[in-house]
Each structure stands twice: as structure tokens, then as C-alpha cells.
Amino acid sequence: MKVYNLTVIVQKDEERNYLAICPSLQGCYTDGETLEEALEMIEDAIKLHIEDRLECGEPIPEELYSSQLKITM
């Protein structure tokens, strides 16, 4: 069983829902009314996305580097 380390970004949208995005997997995103719900749903979305790519013989993108930048203006 292979382990994938993927970055997930969570933001609040205009309706105050939580939007969860996995930038390494294009089009892999979901939302939830709570942070916990959004995180559960993005985990499911990631698993389905990876399963689909593997079934189609497509590669799974490997993250090489991730960082958070603090920008002061």
C-alpha cells in the first residue's frame, strides 16, 4: 500500500462554508459547513481522484516542495 503526502488548503467562501482544495490533483476540491466536514470530504475526494488516475494508468503527481510564505505590505 502506497502512502501519498499531499497538501490541502482550506479557506472560507462567501457563504462562510469551508472550501478544501488539493492543489496537486487538478480539479480535486470540495466544501463543507464545518472544517471537520470539509476535511473528511477532501480526504474522500482525494482517494477517489487517486483511484481513478490509477485505473486510467495516469501518474499521481508527487509534491516536491511546499511552503507557506508570509507577505508584509
Protein backbone atom coordinates (compact mmCIF):
# COMPACT_ATOMS: atom_id res chain seq x y z
CA MET A 1 0.00 0.00 0.00
CA LYS A 2 1.48 3.35 -1.07
CA VAL A 3 1.26 6.46 1.10
CA TYR A 4 0.73 9.82 -0.61
CA ASN A 5 1.67 13.08 1.14
CA LEU A 6 -0.49 15.83 -0.33
CA THR A 7 -1.09 19.43 0.65
CA VAL A 8 -4.65 20.51 1.39
CA ILE A 9 -5.66 24.17 1.59
CA VAL A 10 -8.82 25.18 3.46
CA GLN A 11 -10.47 28.58 3.06
CA LYS A 12 -13.84 30.08 3.94
CA ASP A 13 -16.00 31.09 0.99
CA GLU A 14 -18.51 33.95 0.70
CA GLU A 15 -21.29 31.87 2.31
CA ARG A 16 -18.99 31.01 5.27
CA ASN A 17 -18.60 27.39 4.15
CA TYR A 18 -15.19 25.76 4.22
CA LEU A 19 -13.61 25.12 0.81
CA ALA A 20 -10.94 22.39 0.77
CA ILE A 21 -8.58 22.11 -2.21
CA CYS A 22 -5.78 19.67 -3.07
CA PRO A 23 -3.64 21.73 -5.48
CA SER A 24 -1.55 18.78 -6.68
CA LEU A 25 -4.63 16.99 -8.01
CA GLN A 26 -6.18 19.31 -10.58
CA GLY A 27 -9.92 19.68 -10.02
CA CYS A 28 -9.86 17.96 -6.62
CA TYR A 29 -11.84 20.15 -4.24
CA THR A 30 -14.92 20.06 -2.04
CA ASP A 31 -16.64 22.06 0.66
CA GLY A 32 -18.40 21.59 3.96
CA GLU A 33 -20.35 23.54 6.53
CA THR A 34 -17.66 22.86 9.16
CA LEU A 35 -13.90 22.45 9.00
CA GLU A 36 -14.22 18.83 10.08
CA GLU A 37 -16.76 18.09 7.35
CA ALA A 38 -14.58 19.75 4.69
CA LEU A 39 -11.54 17.73 5.78
CA GLU A 40 -13.47 14.45 5.73
CA MET A 41 -14.85 15.23 2.30
CA ILE A 42 -11.49 16.25 0.80
CA GLU A 43 -9.96 13.00 2.05
CA ASP A 44 -12.69 11.05 0.26
CA ALA A 45 -12.28 13.20 -2.87
CA ILE A 46 -8.51 12.62 -2.88
CA LYS A 47 -8.93 8.85 -2.54
CA LEU A 48 -11.44 8.75 -5.41
CA HIS A 49 -9.22 11.01 -7.55
CA ILE A 50 -6.17 8.78 -6.98
CA GLU A 51 -8.16 5.57 -7.62
CA ASP A 52 -9.43 7.00 -10.90
CA ARG A 53 -5.97 8.06 -12.04
CA LEU A 54 -4.51 4.66 -11.20
CA GLU A 55 -7.30 2.84 -13.07
CA CYS A 56 -6.64 5.03 -16.13
CA GLY A 57 -2.88 4.44 -15.90
CA GLU A 58 -2.21 8.10 -15.20
CA PRO A 59 0.63 9.15 -12.89
CA ILE A 60 -0.02 10.59 -9.44
CA PRO A 61 1.73 13.96 -9.13
CA GLU A 62 4.43 13.95 -6.46
CA GLU A 63 4.85 17.09 -4.40
CA LEU A 64 8.46 18.19 -4.33
CA TYR A 65 8.19 21.21 -2.10
CA SER A 66 5.57 23.04 -0.08
CA SER A 67 5.96 26.21 1.94
CA GLN A 68 3.90 28.95 3.47
CA LEU A 69 5.03 32.49 2.76
CA LYS A 70 4.29 35.47 4.97
CA ILE A 71 3.99 38.64 2.88
CA THR A 72 4.02 42.01 4.61
CA MET A 73 2.80 45.06 2.71
